[in-house]
Amino acid sequence: MGVAEAEAAKIPYLLVVVGLAFLLLTLVFRSLLVPLTATLGFLLSVLATFGAVVAVFQWGWFAGVFGVEQPSAIVSMLPLFMIGVVFGLAMDYQVFLVTRMREEHVHGLEAVRAVILGFTHGAPVVTSAAIIMMGVFGGFVLGADAFVKSIGFAFAVAVFFDAFVVRMTIVPAVLVLLRERAWWLPAWLDRLLPNMDVEGANLEHRIATREAALAEDIATA
């Protein structure tokens, strides 16, 4: 793929990724503002990572620290490759953290308290996963090949920024500020969207109904 083709493919590719993310998160969280916060956070992570990569590998900032011998133009495939990987990591962290928050809220907990409790349970796991991923990607920075070095640097920066700045700082703060409005979904849209039952409430109800029916059959036998 040439430079012109790669540049032309970036915008449609990014629009498809962001659009699918918004749709899927709307289905999972039954909300409009939570998916909007997640997708905007993803774009923020991508832009911050692009800026860091350009600053180090194209402009030469801190080039000696990262072993960049000759700053040069960024390989055209790197942004496309990076968008896909950052999207996967960002949505994984988002779903893991916010699912527990929504579960607590659906089961009756006040919105702010649900965010705090969900964050308390999810943050240690996300932190551990992010540190591991940063260590793995950071290892590529030690390589000799400039392209491999740029990939490792980009992914390590993306994980750090998305996990620690966006998912565990900005997103919980926004949800606390929004309070109950964060989980708002228009009634007409709620009727149209299929229920993903992420919290397992429908399954719990069916199990309880089956157990009650079984207990009744045993009692009348």
N, C-alpha and C. Protein backbone atom coordinates (compact mmCIF):
# COMPACT_ATOMS: atom_id res chain seq x y z
N MET A 1 0.85 -1.19 0.00
CA MET A 1 0.00 0.00 0.00
C MET A 1 0.88 1.24 0.00
N GLY A 2 0.62 2.15 -0.93
CA GLY A 2 1.39 3.38 -1.00
C GLY A 2 0.95 4.38 0.04
N VAL A 3 1.71 5.49 0.09
CA VAL A 3 1.41 6.51 1.09
C VAL A 3 0.02 7.12 0.84
N ALA A 4 -0.28 7.41 -0.43
CA ALA A 4 -1.57 8.03 -0.76
C ALA A 4 -2.74 7.12 -0.38
N GLU A 5 -2.59 5.82 -0.71
CA GLU A 5 -3.66 4.88 -0.39
C GLU A 5 -3.84 4.74 1.12
N ALA A 6 -2.72 4.69 1.86
CA ALA A 6 -2.79 4.57 3.31
C ALA A 6 -3.45 5.79 3.93
N GLU A 7 -3.09 6.98 3.43
CA GLU A 7 -3.69 8.20 3.96
C GLU A 7 -5.19 8.23 3.68
N ALA A 8 -5.59 7.80 2.48
CA ALA A 8 -7.00 7.81 2.12
C ALA A 8 -7.81 6.80 2.93
N ALA A 9 -7.15 5.72 3.36
CA ALA A 9 -7.87 4.66 4.09
C ALA A 9 -8.04 4.98 5.56
N LYS A 10 -7.29 5.92 6.10
CA LYS A 10 -7.31 6.16 7.55
C LYS A 10 -8.67 6.65 8.03
N ILE A 11 -9.23 7.65 7.37
CA ILE A 11 -10.48 8.24 7.84
C ILE A 11 -11.64 7.26 7.78
N PRO A 12 -11.90 6.58 6.64
CA PRO A 12 -12.99 5.60 6.64
C PRO A 12 -12.78 4.48 7.65
N TYR A 13 -11.55 4.03 7.77
CA TYR A 13 -11.24 2.98 8.73
C TYR A 13 -11.55 3.44 10.15
N LEU A 14 -11.14 4.65 10.50
CA LEU A 14 -11.39 5.19 11.83
C LEU A 14 -12.88 5.38 12.07
N LEU A 15 -13.61 5.84 11.06
CA LEU A 15 -15.05 6.03 11.20
C LEU A 15 -15.77 4.71 11.43
N VAL A 16 -15.37 3.67 10.71
CA VAL A 16 -15.97 2.35 10.90
C VAL A 16 -15.69 1.83 12.31
N VAL A 17 -14.46 1.96 12.76
CA VAL A 17 -14.08 1.48 14.08
C VAL A 17 -14.87 2.21 15.17
N VAL A 18 -14.91 3.54 15.08
CA VAL A 18 -15.61 4.33 16.09
C VAL A 18 -17.12 4.06 16.04
N GLY A 19 -17.67 3.95 14.84
CA GLY A 19 -19.10 3.67 14.71
C GLY A 19 -19.50 2.33 15.29
N LEU A 20 -18.72 1.30 14.99
CA LEU A 20 -19.00 -0.03 15.55
C LEU A 20 -18.85 -0.04 17.06
N ALA A 21 -17.84 0.67 17.56
CA ALA A 21 -17.63 0.73 19.01
C ALA A 21 -18.84 1.38 19.69
N PHE A 22 -19.31 2.48 19.13
CA PHE A 22 -20.46 3.17 19.72
C PHE A 22 -21.70 2.28 19.70
N LEU A 23 -21.94 1.59 18.60
CA LEU A 23 -23.11 0.72 18.49
C LEU A 23 -23.05 -0.42 19.49
N LEU A 24 -21.91 -1.11 19.55
CA LEU A 24 -21.79 -2.26 20.44
C LEU A 24 -21.88 -1.85 21.91
N LEU A 25 -21.24 -0.73 22.25
CA LEU A 25 -21.30 -0.29 23.65
C LEU A 25 -22.70 0.20 24.03
N THR A 26 -23.43 0.73 23.05
CA THR A 26 -24.82 1.10 23.32
C THR A 26 -25.66 -0.13 23.64
N LEU A 27 -25.42 -1.21 22.92
CA LEU A 27 -26.12 -2.46 23.18
C LEU A 27 -25.76 -3.03 24.56
N VAL A 28 -24.49 -2.96 24.90
CA VAL A 28 -24.03 -3.57 26.15
C VAL A 28 -24.48 -2.76 27.37
N PHE A 29 -24.31 -1.43 27.31
CA PHE A 29 -24.54 -0.60 28.49
C PHE A 29 -25.92 0.06 28.53
N ARG A 30 -26.72 -0.09 27.46
CA ARG A 30 -28.06 0.52 27.42
C ARG A 30 -27.98 2.00 27.77
N SER A 31 -27.10 2.71 27.12
CA SER A 31 -26.87 4.12 27.39
C SER A 31 -26.32 4.78 26.13
N LEU A 32 -26.46 6.11 26.05
CA LEU A 32 -25.86 6.86 24.96
C LEU A 32 -24.61 7.61 25.39
N LEU A 33 -24.61 8.12 26.61
CA LEU A 33 -23.49 8.92 27.07
C LEU A 33 -22.27 8.07 27.44
N VAL A 34 -22.49 6.87 27.94
CA VAL A 34 -21.36 5.99 28.26
C VAL A 34 -20.60 5.58 26.99
N PRO A 35 -21.29 5.12 25.93
CA PRO A 35 -20.57 4.84 24.68
C PRO A 35 -19.91 6.08 24.08
N LEU A 36 -20.56 7.23 24.20
CA LEU A 36 -19.97 8.46 23.67
C LEU A 36 -18.68 8.79 24.42
N THR A 37 -18.69 8.65 25.74
CA THR A 37 -17.49 8.88 26.53
C THR A 37 -16.39 7.90 26.15
N ALA A 38 -16.77 6.63 25.93
CA ALA A 38 -15.78 5.61 25.58
C ALA A 38 -15.13 5.88 24.23
N THR A 39 -15.94 6.23 23.23
CA THR A 39 -15.39 6.46 21.89
C THR A 39 -14.56 7.74 21.84
N LEU A 40 -15.00 8.77 22.54
CA LEU A 40 -14.19 9.99 22.58
C LEU A 40 -12.87 9.73 23.31
N GLY A 41 -12.91 8.90 24.33
CA GLY A 41 -11.68 8.53 25.02
C GLY A 41 -10.74 7.75 24.13
N PHE A 42 -11.31 6.88 23.30
CA PHE A 42 -10.50 6.13 22.35
C PHE A 42 -9.82 7.07 21.35
N LEU A 43 -10.58 8.03 20.83
CA LEU A 43 -9.98 9.01 19.91
C LEU A 43 -8.88 9.82 20.59
N LEU A 44 -9.11 10.16 21.84
CA LEU A 44 -8.10 10.89 22.59
C LEU A 44 -6.82 10.07 22.75
N SER A 45 -6.98 8.79 23.02
CA SER A 45 -5.81 7.90 23.15
C SER A 45 -5.05 7.80 21.83
N VAL A 46 -5.79 7.67 20.73
CA VAL A 46 -5.16 7.57 19.42
C VAL A 46 -4.39 8.85 19.09
N LEU A 47 -5.01 10.00 19.33
CA LEU A 47 -4.35 11.27 19.03
C LEU A 47 -3.11 11.47 19.90
N ALA A 48 -3.21 11.13 21.18
CA ALA A 48 -2.05 11.27 22.07
C ALA A 48 -0.91 10.36 21.63
N THR A 49 -1.24 9.14 21.22
CA THR A 49 -0.21 8.21 20.77
C THR A 49 0.43 8.68 19.48
N PHE A 50 -0.39 9.14 18.53
CA PHE A 50 0.15 9.72 17.29
C PHE A 50 1.13 10.84 17.60
N GLY A 51 0.74 11.72 18.51
CA GLY A 51 1.60 12.84 18.86
C GLY A 51 2.92 12.39 19.46
N ALA A 52 2.87 11.39 20.34
CA ALA A 52 4.10 10.90 20.96
C ALA A 52 5.02 10.24 19.93
N VAL A 53 4.46 9.45 19.04
CA VAL A 53 5.26 8.78 18.02
C VAL A 53 5.91 9.79 17.08
N VAL A 54 5.14 10.77 16.64
CA VAL A 54 5.69 11.79 15.74
C VAL A 54 6.78 12.59 16.45
N ALA A 55 6.55 12.94 17.71
CA ALA A 55 7.53 13.74 18.45
C ALA A 55 8.86 13.02 18.58
N VAL A 56 8.82 11.71 18.85
CA VAL A 56 10.07 10.97 19.07
C VAL A 56 10.72 10.53 17.76
N PHE A 57 9.93 9.90 16.88
CA PHE A 57 10.52 9.24 15.72
C PHE A 57 10.58 10.14 14.48
N GLN A 58 9.82 11.23 14.46
CA GLN A 58 9.88 12.12 13.30
C GLN A 58 10.56 13.44 13.63
N TRP A 59 10.27 14.00 14.80
CA TRP A 59 10.88 15.27 15.20
C TRP A 59 12.17 15.09 15.99
N GLY A 60 12.36 13.89 16.53
CA GLY A 60 13.61 13.62 17.24
C GLY A 60 13.64 14.00 18.70
N TRP A 61 12.48 14.28 19.31
CA TRP A 61 12.46 14.60 20.73
C TRP A 61 12.84 13.35 21.54
N PHE A 62 13.78 13.49 22.48
CA PHE A 62 14.24 12.38 23.31
C PHE A 62 14.70 11.18 22.48
N ALA A 63 15.18 11.45 21.28
CA ALA A 63 15.61 10.37 20.39
C ALA A 63 16.71 9.54 21.02
N GLY A 64 17.63 10.17 21.72
CA GLY A 64 18.71 9.42 22.34
C GLY A 64 18.23 8.51 23.43
N VAL A 65 17.21 8.92 24.17
CA VAL A 65 16.67 8.09 25.26
C VAL A 65 16.11 6.79 24.72
N PHE A 66 15.43 6.85 23.58
CA PHE A 66 14.79 5.67 23.01
C PHE A 66 15.63 5.00 21.92
N GLY A 67 16.84 5.45 21.74
CA GLY A 67 17.74 4.81 20.78
C GLY A 67 17.39 5.06 19.33
N VAL A 68 16.78 6.19 19.03
CA VAL A 68 16.43 6.53 17.65
C VAL A 68 17.63 7.25 17.03
N GLU A 69 18.31 6.56 16.11
CA GLU A 69 19.53 7.11 15.54
C GLU A 69 19.26 8.22 14.54
N GLN A 70 18.24 8.02 13.69
CA GLN A 70 17.95 8.99 12.64
C GLN A 70 16.45 9.22 12.55
N PRO A 71 15.92 10.34 13.10
CA PRO A 71 14.48 10.62 12.97
C PRO A 71 14.08 10.69 11.50
N SER A 72 12.92 10.14 11.18
CA SER A 72 12.44 10.13 9.79
C SER A 72 10.93 10.06 9.79
N ALA A 73 10.36 10.04 8.60
CA ALA A 73 8.90 9.99 8.47
C ALA A 73 8.36 8.67 9.02
N ILE A 74 7.15 8.71 9.55
CA ILE A 74 6.50 7.52 10.10
C ILE A 74 6.03 6.62 8.96
N VAL A 75 6.23 5.32 9.11
CA VAL A 75 5.77 4.36 8.10
C VAL A 75 4.25 4.45 7.98
N SER A 76 3.75 4.50 6.75
CA SER A 76 2.33 4.77 6.51
C SER A 76 1.41 3.72 7.10
N MET A 77 1.88 2.49 7.25
CA MET A 77 1.02 1.43 7.78
C MET A 77 0.87 1.49 9.29
N LEU A 78 1.78 2.17 9.98
CA LEU A 78 1.75 2.18 11.44
C LEU A 78 0.45 2.76 12.01
N PRO A 79 -0.06 3.91 11.53
CA PRO A 79 -1.32 4.43 12.10
C PRO A 79 -2.49 3.47 11.95
N LEU A 80 -2.63 2.83 10.78
CA LEU A 80 -3.72 1.89 10.58
C LEU A 80 -3.61 0.70 11.53
N PHE A 81 -2.41 0.18 11.64
CA PHE A 81 -2.15 -0.96 12.52
C PHE A 81 -2.42 -0.57 13.97
N MET A 82 -1.99 0.62 14.34
CA MET A 82 -2.11 1.05 15.72
C MET A 82 -3.57 1.31 16.11
N ILE A 83 -4.36 1.86 15.20
CA ILE A 83 -5.77 2.13 15.50
C ILE A 83 -6.49 0.85 15.88
N GLY A 84 -6.25 -0.23 15.13
CA GLY A 84 -6.92 -1.50 15.42
C GLY A 84 -6.52 -2.06 16.77
N VAL A 85 -5.24 -2.02 17.09
CA VAL A 85 -4.77 -2.57 18.37
C VAL A 85 -5.25 -1.72 19.54
N VAL A 86 -5.15 -0.40 19.42
CA VAL A 86 -5.59 0.49 20.49
C VAL A 86 -7.09 0.36 20.71
N PHE A 87 -7.84 0.19 19.63
CA PHE A 87 -9.29 0.00 19.76
C PHE A 87 -9.60 -1.24 20.59
N GLY A 88 -8.94 -2.34 20.27
CA GLY A 88 -9.18 -3.58 21.01
C GLY A 88 -8.86 -3.44 22.49
N LEU A 89 -7.73 -2.85 22.81
CA LEU A 89 -7.34 -2.67 24.20
C LEU A 89 -8.28 -1.70 24.92
N ALA A 90 -8.62 -0.59 24.25
CA ALA A 90 -9.47 0.42 24.88
C ALA A 90 -10.85 -0.14 25.20
N MET A 91 -11.45 -0.86 24.27
CA MET A 91 -12.77 -1.41 24.51
C MET A 91 -12.74 -2.51 25.56
N ASP A 92 -11.65 -3.26 25.60
CA ASP A 92 -11.51 -4.30 26.62
C ASP A 92 -11.48 -3.68 28.01
N TYR A 93 -10.67 -2.65 28.20
CA TYR A 93 -10.61 -1.97 29.49
C TYR A 93 -11.94 -1.31 29.82
N GLN A 94 -12.56 -0.69 28.83
CA GLN A 94 -13.83 0.01 29.06
C GLN A 94 -14.91 -0.97 29.53
N VAL A 95 -15.07 -2.07 28.81
CA VAL A 95 -16.10 -3.04 29.16
C VAL A 95 -15.83 -3.64 30.53
N PHE A 96 -14.58 -3.95 30.81
CA PHE A 96 -14.25 -4.58 32.09
C PHE A 96 -14.58 -3.65 33.26
N LEU A 97 -14.24 -2.37 33.14
CA LEU A 97 -14.47 -1.44 34.23
C LEU A 97 -15.95 -1.05 34.36
N VAL A 98 -16.57 -0.68 33.25
CA VAL A 98 -17.89 -0.07 33.31
C VAL A 98 -18.99 -1.12 33.48
N THR A 99 -18.75 -2.35 33.05
CA THR A 99 -19.75 -3.40 33.23
C THR A 99 -20.09 -3.58 34.70
N ARG A 100 -19.07 -3.61 35.55
CA ARG A 100 -19.33 -3.77 36.98
C ARG A 100 -20.06 -2.54 37.55
N MET A 101 -19.74 -1.35 37.04
CA MET A 101 -20.43 -0.14 37.49
C MET A 101 -21.91 -0.22 37.13
N ARG A 102 -22.20 -0.63 35.90
CA ARG A 102 -23.60 -0.73 35.48
C ARG A 102 -24.33 -1.82 36.25
N GLU A 103 -23.64 -2.93 36.49
CA GLU A 103 -24.26 -4.02 37.24
C GLU A 103 -24.69 -3.55 38.63
N GLU A 104 -23.81 -2.81 39.31
CA GLU A 104 -24.15 -2.31 40.64
C GLU A 104 -25.32 -1.33 40.56
N HIS A 105 -25.33 -0.49 39.53
CA HIS A 105 -26.40 0.49 39.38
C HIS A 105 -27.72 -0.18 39.05
N VAL A 106 -27.71 -1.18 38.18
CA VAL A 106 -28.93 -1.90 37.82
C VAL A 106 -29.53 -2.60 39.03
N HIS A 107 -28.68 -3.07 39.93
CA HIS A 107 -29.15 -3.76 41.13
C HIS A 107 -29.50 -2.81 42.26
N GLY A 108 -29.62 -1.51 41.94
CA GLY A 108 -30.18 -0.58 42.90
C GLY A 108 -29.24 0.38 43.56
N LEU A 109 -27.95 0.30 43.28
CA LEU A 109 -27.00 1.19 43.93
C LEU A 109 -27.05 2.57 43.28
N GLU A 110 -26.90 3.61 44.10
CA GLU A 110 -26.88 4.98 43.58
C GLU A 110 -25.73 5.16 42.60
N ALA A 111 -25.90 6.06 41.61
CA ALA A 111 -24.99 6.14 40.47
C ALA A 111 -23.54 6.37 40.88
N VAL A 112 -23.30 7.35 41.75
CA VAL A 112 -21.92 7.66 42.15
C VAL A 112 -21.31 6.50 42.92
N ARG A 113 -22.08 5.92 43.83
CA ARG A 113 -21.59 4.78 44.60
C ARG A 113 -21.31 3.58 43.69
N ALA A 114 -22.12 3.40 42.65
CA ALA A 114 -21.90 2.30 41.71
C ALA A 114 -20.59 2.48 40.96
N VAL A 115 -20.29 3.72 40.58
CA VAL A 115 -19.02 4.00 39.89
C VAL A 115 -17.84 3.71 40.81
N ILE A 116 -17.94 4.14 42.06
CA ILE A 116 -16.84 3.93 43.01
C ILE A 116 -16.62 2.44 43.26
N LEU A 117 -17.70 1.70 43.49
CA LEU A 117 -17.57 0.28 43.78
C LEU A 117 -17.06 -0.49 42.56
N GLY A 118 -17.60 -0.15 41.37
CA GLY A 118 -17.14 -0.82 40.16
C GLY A 118 -15.68 -0.55 39.87
N PHE A 119 -15.27 0.69 40.10
CA PHE A 119 -13.86 1.04 39.90
C PHE A 119 -12.97 0.31 40.90
N THR A 120 -13.40 0.22 42.14
CA THR A 120 -12.62 -0.46 43.17
C THR A 120 -12.35 -1.91 42.82
N HIS A 121 -13.34 -2.58 42.24
CA HIS A 121 -13.18 -3.99 41.87
C HIS A 121 -12.39 -4.17 40.58
N GLY A 122 -12.55 -3.24 39.62
CA GLY A 122 -11.95 -3.44 38.31
C GLY A 122 -10.57 -2.85 38.13
N ALA A 123 -10.26 -1.78 38.85
CA ALA A 123 -9.00 -1.07 38.64
C ALA A 123 -7.75 -1.93 38.86
N PRO A 124 -7.69 -2.77 39.91
CA PRO A 124 -6.46 -3.57 40.09
C PRO A 124 -6.18 -4.51 38.91
N VAL A 125 -7.23 -5.09 38.35
CA VAL A 125 -7.04 -6.01 37.23
C VAL A 125 -6.58 -5.25 35.99
N VAL A 126 -7.21 -4.12 35.71
CA VAL A 126 -6.82 -3.31 34.55
C VAL A 126 -5.40 -2.80 34.72
N THR A 127 -5.05 -2.40 35.92
CA THR A 127 -3.69 -1.91 36.18
C THR A 127 -2.66 -3.01 35.92
N SER A 128 -2.92 -4.20 36.42
CA SER A 128 -1.99 -5.32 36.21
C SER A 128 -1.86 -5.65 34.74
N ALA A 129 -2.99 -5.72 34.04
CA ALA A 129 -2.96 -6.05 32.61
C ALA A 129 -2.21 -4.98 31.82
N ALA A 130 -2.45 -3.71 32.16
CA ALA A 130 -1.78 -2.61 31.44
C ALA A 130 -0.28 -2.64 31.66
N ILE A 131 0.15 -2.90 32.89
CA ILE A 131 1.59 -2.95 33.18
C ILE A 131 2.26 -4.09 32.41
N ILE A 132 1.58 -5.22 32.36
CA ILE A 132 2.13 -6.36 31.60
C ILE A 132 2.25 -6.02 30.13
N MET A 133 1.19 -5.42 29.55
CA MET A 133 1.21 -5.07 28.13
C MET A 133 2.28 -4.02 27.84
N MET A 134 2.43 -3.05 28.74
CA MET A 134 3.46 -2.03 28.54
C MET A 134 4.85 -2.64 28.58
N GLY A 135 5.04 -3.61 29.47
CA GLY A 135 6.34 -4.28 29.54
C GLY A 135 6.65 -5.06 28.28
N VAL A 136 5.63 -5.75 27.75
CA VAL A 136 5.82 -6.53 26.52
C VAL A 136 6.13 -5.62 25.34
N PHE A 137 5.29 -4.60 25.15
CA PHE A 137 5.51 -3.69 24.02
C PHE A 137 6.79 -2.87 24.20
N GLY A 138 7.08 -2.48 25.44
CA GLY A 138 8.29 -1.71 25.69
C GLY A 138 9.55 -2.47 25.35
N GLY A 139 9.47 -3.81 25.40
CA GLY A 139 10.64 -4.61 25.04
C GLY A 139 11.05 -4.44 23.60
N PHE A 140 10.07 -4.13 22.73
CA PHE A 140 10.39 -3.94 21.32
C PHE A 140 11.20 -2.67 21.07
N VAL A 141 11.10 -1.72 22.01
CA VAL A 141 11.86 -0.48 21.85
C VAL A 141 13.36 -0.75 21.91
N LEU A 142 13.74 -1.83 22.55
CA LEU A 142 15.15 -2.17 22.66
C LEU A 142 15.72 -2.79 21.39
N GLY A 143 14.85 -3.11 20.43
CA GLY A 143 15.30 -3.71 19.18
C GLY A 143 16.06 -2.73 18.31
N ALA A 144 16.72 -3.27 17.31
CA ALA A 144 17.53 -2.44 16.41
C ALA A 144 16.73 -1.87 15.24
N ASP A 145 15.70 -2.60 14.80
CA ASP A 145 14.92 -2.16 13.65
C ASP A 145 14.06 -0.96 14.02
N ALA A 146 14.10 0.10 13.22
CA ALA A 146 13.39 1.34 13.53
C ALA A 146 11.87 1.15 13.51
N PHE A 147 11.38 0.34 12.55
CA PHE A 147 9.93 0.13 12.47
C PHE A 147 9.42 -0.65 13.67
N VAL A 148 10.14 -1.71 14.04
CA VAL A 148 9.76 -2.50 15.22
C VAL A 148 9.82 -1.63 16.48
N LYS A 149 10.85 -0.80 16.54
CA LYS A 149 11.00 0.10 17.69
C LYS A 149 9.82 1.07 17.78
N SER A 150 9.39 1.61 16.64
CA SER A 150 8.26 2.55 16.64
C SER A 150 6.96 1.86 17.02
N ILE A 151 6.78 0.62 16.58
CA ILE A 151 5.57 -0.13 16.95
C ILE A 151 5.53 -0.37 18.46
N GLY A 152 6.64 -0.84 19.02
CA GLY A 152 6.68 -1.08 20.45
C GLY A 152 6.43 0.18 21.26
N PHE A 153 7.04 1.28 20.84
CA PHE A 153 6.85 2.55 21.53
C PHE A 153 5.40 3.01 21.44
N ALA A 154 4.83 2.92 20.25
CA ALA A 154 3.45 3.39 20.04
C ALA A 154 2.47 2.59 20.90
N PHE A 155 2.61 1.27 20.93
CA PHE A 155 1.68 0.46 21.69
C PHE A 155 1.85 0.65 23.18
N ALA A 156 3.09 0.79 23.64
CA ALA A 156 3.33 1.01 25.07
C ALA A 156 2.72 2.34 25.52
N VAL A 157 2.91 3.39 24.73
CA VAL A 157 2.33 4.70 25.05
C VAL A 157 0.81 4.63 25.01
N ALA A 158 0.27 3.94 24.00
CA ALA A 158 -1.18 3.83 23.87
C ALA A 158 -1.79 3.13 25.08
N VAL A 159 -1.18 2.04 25.52
CA VAL A 159 -1.70 1.32 26.68
C VAL A 159 -1.64 2.20 27.93
N PHE A 160 -0.51 2.87 28.13
CA PHE A 160 -0.37 3.74 29.30
C PHE A 160 -1.43 4.83 29.30
N PHE A 161 -1.57 5.53 28.18
CA PHE A 161 -2.49 6.66 28.13
C PHE A 161 -3.93 6.20 28.24
N ASP A 162 -4.29 5.13 27.52
CA ASP A 162 -5.68 4.71 27.52
C ASP A 162 -6.08 4.10 28.86
N ALA A 163 -5.22 3.27 29.43
CA ALA A 163 -5.57 2.60 30.69
C ALA A 163 -5.57 3.56 31.87
N PHE A 164 -4.49 4.31 32.02
CA PHE A 164 -4.32 5.10 33.24
C PHE A 164 -4.92 6.50 33.15
N VAL A 165 -4.89 7.10 31.97
CA VAL A 165 -5.41 8.47 31.85
C VAL A 165 -6.88 8.47 31.47
N VAL A 166 -7.24 7.67 30.45
CA VAL A 166 -8.62 7.71 29.95
C VAL A 166 -9.54 6.83 30.78
N ARG A 167 -9.27 5.51 30.83
CA ARG A 167 -10.22 4.57 31.43
C ARG A 167 -10.29 4.68 32.95
N MET A 168 -9.17 4.95 33.61
CA MET A 168 -9.19 4.95 35.07
C MET A 168 -9.13 6.35 35.68
N THR A 169 -9.16 7.38 34.84
CA THR A 169 -9.21 8.74 35.37
C THR A 169 -10.36 9.53 34.75
N ILE A 170 -10.33 9.71 33.44
CA ILE A 170 -11.33 10.55 32.78
C ILE A 170 -12.71 9.91 32.81
N VAL A 171 -12.81 8.63 32.41
CA VAL A 171 -14.12 7.98 32.32
C VAL A 171 -14.84 7.93 33.67
N PRO A 172 -14.21 7.46 34.77
CA PRO A 172 -14.93 7.47 36.05
C PRO A 172 -15.31 8.89 36.50
N ALA A 173 -14.44 9.86 36.25
CA ALA A 173 -14.76 11.24 36.63
C ALA A 173 -15.98 11.75 35.87
N VAL A 174 -16.05 11.46 34.58
CA VAL A 174 -17.20 11.90 33.78
C VAL A 174 -18.48 11.21 34.25
N LEU A 175 -18.41 9.92 34.55
CA LEU A 175 -19.59 9.19 35.02
C LEU A 175 -20.08 9.73 36.36
N VAL A 176 -19.16 10.10 37.23
CA VAL A 176 -19.56 10.69 38.50
C VAL A 176 -20.23 12.03 38.29
N LEU A 177 -19.70 12.84 37.37
CA LEU A 177 -20.30 14.14 37.09
C LEU A 177 -21.68 14.00 36.45
N LEU A 178 -21.84 12.99 35.60
CA LEU A 178 -23.12 12.80 34.93
C LEU A 178 -24.17 12.18 35.84
N ARG A 179 -23.74 11.40 36.82
CA ARG A 179 -24.63 10.71 37.76
C ARG A 179 -25.66 9.86 37.01
N GLU A 180 -26.94 10.01 37.31
CA GLU A 180 -27.97 9.17 36.70
C GLU A 180 -28.09 9.39 35.19
N ARG A 181 -27.71 10.57 34.74
CA ARG A 181 -27.80 10.88 33.30
C ARG A 181 -26.89 9.98 32.47
N ALA A 182 -25.85 9.45 33.10
CA ALA A 182 -24.91 8.60 32.36
C ALA A 182 -25.60 7.35 31.82
N TRP A 183 -26.64 6.88 32.50
CA TRP A 183 -27.30 5.63 32.11
C TRP A 183 -28.62 5.87 31.39
N TRP A 184 -28.81 7.10 30.90
CA TRP A 184 -30.06 7.43 30.22
C TRP A 184 -30.09 6.85 28.82
N LEU A 185 -31.24 6.30 28.45
CA LEU A 185 -31.48 5.79 27.10
C LEU A 185 -32.92 6.10 26.74
N PRO A 186 -33.18 6.73 25.58
CA PRO A 186 -34.57 7.03 25.20
C PRO A 186 -35.43 5.77 25.19
N ALA A 187 -36.66 5.91 25.62
CA ALA A 187 -37.55 4.74 25.74
C ALA A 187 -37.75 4.06 24.39
N TRP A 188 -37.90 4.85 23.33
CA TRP A 188 -38.13 4.26 22.01
C TRP A 188 -36.92 3.46 21.54
N LEU A 189 -35.72 3.94 21.87
CA LEU A 189 -34.51 3.22 21.49
C LEU A 189 -34.33 1.98 22.35
N ASP A 190 -34.73 2.06 23.60
CA ASP A 190 -34.64 0.91 24.50
C ASP A 190 -35.51 -0.22 24.01
N ARG A 191 -36.67 0.11 23.43
CA ARG A 191 -37.56 -0.92 22.90
C ARG A 191 -37.00 -1.55 21.62
N LEU A 192 -36.27 -0.76 20.85
CA LEU A 192 -35.74 -1.27 19.58
C LEU A 192 -34.50 -2.15 19.76
N LEU A 193 -33.67 -1.81 20.73
CA LEU A 193 -32.41 -2.53 20.90
C LEU A 193 -32.63 -3.88 21.59
N PRO A 194 -31.95 -4.93 21.13
CA PRO A 194 -32.03 -6.22 21.82
C PRO A 194 -31.36 -6.14 23.18
N ASN A 195 -31.88 -6.90 24.13
CA ASN A 195 -31.32 -6.90 25.48
C ASN A 195 -30.18 -7.92 25.55
N MET A 196 -28.94 -7.42 25.74
CA MET A 196 -27.78 -8.30 25.81
C MET A 196 -27.67 -9.02 27.14
N ASP A 197 -28.35 -8.54 28.17
CA ASP A 197 -28.35 -9.16 29.50
C ASP A 197 -26.93 -9.41 30.00
N VAL A 198 -26.12 -8.36 30.00
CA VAL A 198 -24.73 -8.49 30.43
C VAL A 198 -24.64 -8.89 31.90
N GLU A 199 -25.54 -8.36 32.73
CA GLU A 199 -25.49 -8.64 34.15
C GLU A 199 -26.05 -10.02 34.50
N GLY A 200 -26.70 -10.67 33.55
CA GLY A 200 -27.26 -12.00 33.81
C GLY A 200 -28.55 -11.96 34.59
N ALA A 201 -29.25 -10.82 34.61
CA ALA A 201 -30.49 -10.71 35.38
C ALA A 201 -31.57 -11.64 34.83
N ASN A 202 -31.68 -11.71 33.50
CA ASN A 202 -32.69 -12.59 32.91
C ASN A 202 -32.40 -14.05 33.21
N LEU A 203 -31.11 -14.41 33.16
CA LEU A 203 -30.74 -15.79 33.47
C LEU A 203 -31.04 -16.11 34.92
N GLU A 204 -30.73 -15.19 35.84
CA GLU A 204 -31.03 -15.41 37.24
C GLU A 204 -32.54 -15.57 37.46
N HIS A 205 -33.32 -14.76 36.74
CA HIS A 205 -34.78 -14.86 36.87
C HIS A 205 -35.28 -16.22 36.38
N ARG A 206 -34.75 -16.69 35.25
CA ARG A 206 -35.20 -17.98 34.74
C ARG A 206 -34.81 -19.12 35.68
N ILE A 207 -33.60 -19.03 36.25
CA ILE A 207 -33.17 -20.08 37.18
C ILE A 207 -34.04 -20.09 38.43
N ALA A 208 -34.33 -18.87 38.94
CA ALA A 208 -35.17 -18.79 40.13
C ALA A 208 -36.58 -19.32 39.86
N THR A 209 -37.12 -18.99 38.67
CA THR A 209 -38.45 -19.48 38.31
C THR A 209 -38.46 -21.00 38.19
N ARG A 210 -37.41 -21.56 37.57
CA ARG A 210 -37.33 -23.01 37.42
C ARG A 210 -37.20 -23.69 38.78
N GLU A 211 -36.39 -23.14 39.66
CA GLU A 211 -36.22 -23.72 40.99
C GLU A 211 -37.52 -23.66 41.79
N ALA A 212 -38.24 -22.54 41.65
CA ALA A 212 -39.51 -22.42 42.36
C ALA A 212 -40.52 -23.44 41.85
N ALA A 213 -40.54 -23.62 40.50
CA ALA A 213 -41.47 -24.60 39.93
C ALA A 213 -41.11 -26.02 40.36
N LEU A 214 -39.79 -26.30 40.41
CA LEU A 214 -39.34 -27.63 40.84
C LEU A 214 -39.68 -27.87 42.30
N ALA A 215 -39.51 -26.85 43.14
CA ALA A 215 -39.83 -27.00 44.56
C ALA A 215 -41.34 -27.22 44.75
N GLU A 216 -42.13 -26.53 43.93
CA GLU A 216 -43.56 -26.71 44.01
C GLU A 216 -43.98 -28.10 43.58
N ASP A 217 -43.34 -28.65 42.53
CA ASP A 217 -43.65 -30.01 42.08
C ASP A 217 -43.29 -31.03 43.15
N ILE A 218 -42.17 -30.81 43.82
CA ILE A 218 -41.74 -31.74 44.87
C ILE A 218 -42.70 -31.69 46.05
N ALA A 219 -43.18 -30.46 46.37
CA ALA A 219 -44.06 -30.30 47.52
C ALA A 219 -45.42 -30.95 47.27
N THR A 220 -45.85 -30.90 46.00
CA THR A 220 -47.18 -31.46 45.67
C THR A 220 -47.14 -32.92 45.29
N ALA A 221 -45.91 -33.47 45.20
CA ALA A 221 -45.79 -34.88 44.79
C ALA A 221 -46.23 -35.81 45.92
